[in-house]
Protein backbone atom coordinates (compact mmCIF):
# COMPACT_ATOMS: atom_id res chain seq x y z
CA MET A 1 -31.29 2.71 -37.07
CA SER A 2 -29.27 5.44 -37.60
CA ALA A 3 -25.58 5.60 -37.07
CA HIS A 4 -26.21 8.15 -34.34
CA GLU A 5 -28.90 6.04 -32.44
CA HIS A 6 -26.56 2.71 -32.47
CA SER A 7 -23.70 4.74 -31.19
CA HIS A 8 -25.81 5.99 -28.50
CA ASP A 9 -27.35 2.58 -27.78
CA HIS A 10 -23.44 1.40 -27.80
CA ASP A 11 -22.55 4.24 -25.08
CA HIS A 12 -25.68 3.33 -23.07
CA ASP A 13 -24.59 -0.33 -23.03
CA HIS A 14 -21.08 0.60 -22.01
CA VAL A 15 -20.22 0.11 -18.34
CA GLU A 16 -16.99 0.66 -16.56
CA HIS A 17 -16.13 -1.19 -13.55
CA HIS A 18 -13.74 0.16 -10.98
CA PHE A 19 -12.31 -1.65 -8.31
CA THR A 20 -12.84 0.61 -5.43
CA ALA A 21 -11.85 -1.35 -2.36
CA THR A 22 -7.62 -0.50 -2.93
CA ALA A 23 -7.32 0.76 0.49
CA SER A 24 -8.49 -2.71 2.01
CA VAL A 25 -6.19 -4.62 -0.33
CA ARG A 26 -3.31 -2.58 0.67
CA ASP A 27 -4.33 -3.37 4.43
CA ILE A 28 -4.53 -7.09 3.86
CA VAL A 29 -1.34 -6.91 1.48
CA ILE A 30 0.50 -5.51 4.37
CA GLY A 31 -0.92 -7.69 6.99
CA MET A 32 -0.68 -11.03 4.91
CA SER A 33 2.73 -10.16 3.50
CA ASP A 34 4.45 -9.46 7.12
CA GLY A 35 2.36 -12.44 8.42
CA LEU A 36 3.63 -15.21 6.21
CA THR A 37 7.17 -13.92 6.25
CA VAL A 38 8.31 -12.55 9.88
CA PRO A 39 7.10 -15.69 11.64
CA PHE A 40 8.18 -17.91 9.10
CA ALA A 41 11.86 -16.33 9.60
CA LEU A 42 11.45 -16.48 13.06
CA ALA A 43 10.37 -19.99 13.23
CA ALA A 44 13.04 -21.14 10.74
CA GLY A 45 15.83 -19.02 13.04
CA LEU A 46 14.57 -20.62 16.38
CA THR A 47 14.67 -24.11 14.67
CA SER A 48 18.44 -23.63 13.93
CA ALA A 49 18.60 -22.55 17.86
CA ALA A 50 16.11 -25.05 19.05
CA ALA A 51 17.56 -28.09 17.39
CA ALA A 52 21.00 -28.21 19.26
CA LEU A 53 18.87 -27.72 22.38
CA ALA A 54 16.69 -30.83 21.73
CA LYS A 55 13.59 -28.91 22.95
CA GLY A 56 11.31 -30.23 20.25
CA THR A 57 8.48 -27.89 18.71
CA GLY A 58 7.16 -26.29 22.04
CA ILE A 59 9.70 -23.56 21.98
CA ILE A 60 8.87 -22.77 18.29
CA VAL A 61 4.91 -22.68 19.00
CA THR A 62 5.50 -20.63 21.97
CA ALA A 63 7.77 -17.96 20.40
CA GLY A 64 5.75 -17.92 17.26
CA PHE A 65 2.60 -17.21 19.00
CA ALA A 66 4.14 -14.50 20.92
CA GLU A 67 5.24 -12.86 17.99
CA ILE A 68 2.47 -13.12 15.91
CA ALA A 69 0.56 -11.41 19.05
CA ALA A 70 3.13 -8.88 19.34
CA GLY A 71 3.62 -8.34 15.33
CA SER A 72 -0.30 -8.14 15.16
CA ILE A 73 -0.90 -5.43 17.52
CA ALA A 74 2.24 -3.54 16.42
CA MET A 75 0.99 -3.92 12.70
CA GLY A 76 -2.56 -3.12 13.49
CA LEU A 77 -1.70 0.00 15.58
CA GLY A 78 0.73 1.15 12.69
CA GLY A 79 -2.24 1.12 10.38
CA TYR A 80 -4.49 2.97 12.93
CA LEU A 81 -1.99 5.51 13.32
CA ALA A 82 -1.05 5.92 9.55
CA ALA A 83 -5.04 6.27 8.87
CA LYS A 84 -5.36 8.78 11.76
CA THR A 85 -2.62 10.74 10.46
CA ASP A 86 -4.22 10.97 6.78
CA SER A 87 -7.48 12.00 8.66
CA GLU A 88 -5.84 14.94 10.50
CA HIS A 89 -3.91 15.85 7.17
CA TYR A 90 -6.96 16.38 5.33
CA ALA A 91 -8.71 18.03 8.10
CA SER A 92 -5.96 20.45 8.40
CA GLU A 93 -5.58 20.94 5.05
CA LEU A 94 -9.24 21.59 4.47
CA ASP A 95 -9.31 24.21 7.19
CA ARG A 96 -6.47 25.93 5.43
CA GLU A 97 -8.23 26.18 2.04
CA TYR A 98 -11.32 27.70 3.72
CA ARG A 99 -9.23 30.32 5.42
CA GLU A 100 -7.66 30.90 2.04
CA THR A 101 -10.70 31.54 -0.11
CA VAL A 102 -11.86 34.03 2.53
CA GLU A 103 -8.56 35.71 3.03
CA LEU A 104 -6.96 35.23 -0.33
CA PRO A 105 -9.60 34.97 -2.70
CA GLU A 106 -7.89 36.25 -5.67
CA ILE A 107 -4.73 33.83 -5.51
CA GLU A 108 -7.15 30.70 -5.07
CA THR A 109 -9.10 31.85 -8.27
CA GLU A 110 -5.82 32.09 -10.02
CA GLU A 111 -5.04 28.66 -8.84
CA VAL A 112 -8.35 27.02 -9.97
CA ALA A 113 -7.87 28.83 -13.13
CA LYS A 114 -4.25 27.45 -13.47
CA VAL A 115 -5.52 23.68 -13.29
CA PHE A 116 -7.52 24.40 -16.39
CA ARG A 117 -4.85 26.19 -18.04
CA ASP A 118 -2.59 23.44 -18.04
CA TYR A 119 -4.91 21.45 -19.54
CA GLY A 120 -5.01 23.58 -22.53
CA LEU A 121 -7.98 25.62 -21.77
CA THR A 122 -8.09 29.27 -23.15
CA GLU A 123 -8.82 31.93 -20.95
CA ALA A 124 -12.32 32.23 -22.58
CA GLN A 125 -13.03 28.49 -22.24
CA MET A 126 -12.19 28.42 -18.65
CA GLU A 127 -13.74 31.67 -17.21
CA PRO A 128 -17.46 30.70 -16.95
CA VAL A 129 -16.06 27.30 -15.25
CA VAL A 130 -13.86 29.18 -12.86
CA THR A 131 -16.81 31.52 -11.96
CA ALA A 132 -19.01 28.68 -11.39
CA ILE A 133 -16.68 27.02 -9.14
CA THR A 134 -15.58 29.96 -7.29
CA GLY A 135 -19.26 31.12 -6.93
CA ASN A 136 -19.75 28.27 -4.16
CA GLN A 137 -17.38 28.35 -1.18
CA LYS A 138 -17.67 24.21 -0.39
CA ARG A 139 -17.53 23.34 -4.21
CA TRP A 140 -14.47 25.52 -4.62
CA VAL A 141 -12.93 24.28 -1.58
CA ASP A 142 -13.50 20.62 -2.66
CA PHE A 143 -12.06 21.60 -6.01
CA MET A 144 -8.77 22.98 -4.56
CA MET A 145 -8.58 19.80 -2.24
CA ARG A 146 -8.87 17.52 -5.18
CA PHE A 147 -7.32 18.98 -8.01
CA GLU A 148 -4.53 21.30 -6.45
CA LEU A 149 -3.42 18.84 -3.20
CA GLY A 150 -4.68 15.75 -4.78
CA LEU A 151 -6.32 14.90 -1.30
CA GLU A 152 -9.49 12.50 -1.17
CA GLN A 153 -11.58 12.72 1.98
CA PRO A 154 -10.93 9.96 4.25
CA ASP A 155 -13.58 7.67 5.50
CA PRO A 156 -14.14 8.46 9.28
CA ALA A 157 -14.06 4.60 10.12
CA ARG A 158 -10.89 3.95 8.34
CA ALA A 159 -8.37 3.95 11.09
CA ALA A 160 -10.36 1.39 13.03
CA ARG A 161 -11.10 -0.80 10.09
CA SER A 162 -7.37 -0.46 8.91
CA ALA A 163 -6.05 -1.66 12.25
CA ALA A 164 -8.35 -4.67 12.22
CA THR A 165 -7.88 -5.76 8.75
CA ILE A 166 -3.82 -5.27 9.01
CA ALA A 167 -3.62 -7.24 12.57
CA ALA A 168 -6.50 -10.20 11.28
CA SER A 169 -4.53 -10.67 7.99
CA TYR A 170 -1.17 -10.55 9.91
CA ILE A 171 -2.30 -13.62 12.14
CA VAL A 172 -3.97 -15.60 9.52
CA GLY A 173 -0.63 -15.28 7.65
CA GLY A 174 1.22 -16.06 10.68
CA LEU A 175 -0.48 -19.44 11.45
CA ILE A 176 0.24 -20.81 8.17
CA PRO A 177 4.08 -21.28 8.94
CA LEU A 178 3.35 -22.03 12.52
CA ALA A 179 1.08 -24.88 11.60
CA PRO A 180 3.36 -27.65 11.03
CA TYR A 181 5.23 -27.03 14.39
CA ILE A 182 1.70 -27.01 16.02
CA LEU A 183 0.61 -30.49 14.52
CA MET A 184 3.95 -32.34 14.56
CA ARG A 185 6.32 -33.00 17.23
CA GLU A 186 9.66 -33.57 15.39
CA ILE A 187 11.33 -30.36 14.86
CA VAL A 188 13.35 -30.96 11.70
CA PRO A 189 10.28 -32.69 9.56
CA ALA A 190 8.11 -29.78 11.03
CA LEU A 191 10.50 -27.39 9.43
CA ARG A 192 10.47 -28.91 6.35
CA VAL A 193 6.93 -28.95 6.11
CA SER A 194 6.62 -25.13 7.01
CA VAL A 195 8.93 -24.24 4.22
CA VAL A 196 6.86 -26.21 1.79
CA VAL A 197 3.75 -24.95 2.95
CA THR A 198 4.89 -21.41 3.48
CA LEU A 199 6.48 -21.07 0.28
CA LEU A 200 3.35 -22.27 -1.56
CA ALA A 201 1.09 -19.81 0.52
CA LEU A 202 3.72 -16.63 -0.44
CA LEU A 203 3.40 -18.12 -4.24
CA VAL A 204 -0.44 -17.75 -4.37
CA PHE A 205 -0.51 -14.64 -2.00
CA GLY A 206 2.06 -13.25 -4.16
CA ALA A 207 0.01 -13.94 -7.58
CA ILE A 208 -3.12 -12.91 -5.74
CA LYS A 209 -1.46 -9.71 -5.17
CA GLY A 210 -0.23 -9.18 -8.43
CA HIS A 211 -3.53 -9.53 -9.82
CA PHE A 212 -4.77 -6.49 -7.82
CA THR A 213 -1.74 -4.34 -8.56
CA GLY A 214 -1.51 -5.01 -11.98
CA VAL A 215 1.90 -7.07 -11.91
CA LYS A 216 1.96 -10.46 -13.77
CA PRO A 217 0.81 -12.90 -11.10
CA TRP A 218 3.67 -15.52 -11.81
CA ARG A 219 6.13 -12.53 -11.55
CA SER A 220 4.63 -11.18 -8.24
CA GLY A 221 4.22 -14.73 -6.91
CA LEU A 222 7.99 -15.73 -7.43
CA GLN A 223 9.10 -12.21 -6.35
CA THR A 224 6.87 -12.87 -3.07
CA ALA A 225 8.12 -16.33 -2.33
CA LEU A 226 11.80 -15.48 -2.93
CA VAL A 227 11.66 -12.42 -0.57
CA GLY A 228 10.01 -14.81 2.19
CA GLY A 229 12.39 -17.63 1.37
CA LEU A 230 15.64 -15.50 1.62
CA ALA A 231 14.53 -13.92 5.03
CA ALA A 232 13.80 -17.55 6.67
CA ALA A 233 17.15 -18.56 5.13
CA ALA A 234 18.53 -15.72 6.62
CA ALA A 235 17.15 -16.13 10.15
CA PHE A 236 18.30 -19.88 9.95
CA PHE A 237 21.77 -19.67 9.07
CA ILE A 238 22.46 -16.39 11.30
CA ALA A 239 20.89 -18.39 14.32
CA ARG A 240 23.29 -21.45 13.47
CA LEU A 241 26.39 -19.26 13.00
CA ILE A 242 25.75 -17.48 16.58
CA GLN A 243 25.19 -20.82 18.77
CA PRO A 244 27.66 -21.25 21.33
CA MET A 245 30.06 -23.82 20.91
């Protein structure tokens, strides 16, 4: 087998694997991190206040569920509106680019040429490519959207899917710190178990998040647990400070 053939076979066998679900992972990260952190901090703060009232875990569970319901709806709507905004922005820019290719063809042609010029192509090298791109309006506009504006066409179902993913992740995250309060009657032991369970969940979640974002898992895990722990500690001690004497 010749070196050329061997090289060709090697290229044929090489398959690149790209992770394409980044938008869904982002939604899970948004929902889960807030779901783990906000109810955790709320439960810790309420524990500090409720311990003095001797109300037991009932007030924690009730308030925690109320917060999860409100938080998941608010976060889901936020994700929905953000995705809708992206979609509307893309549609607006697409319409503008179509108009400009008709009304300002020379300027838009020069903008195509500039993209290739920035990559170091000579005028002679880029001329046939620019001519091919600008010869078809749809291809021309698609090129400008991607390479001039850096915009990818949004998935039409993205907004609803984003809202559902964020809300569901928030609920799952929120149930973890609340679970000890649901299962246990004594408030202080429930807080201790909640702290341990939630910090472990934050560590694991942070490590998984680090894997997908390219950050060292142990570093991402410790950072996530530290942020969540500080939020809960702050809520606990602030609630203690403002208790009526």
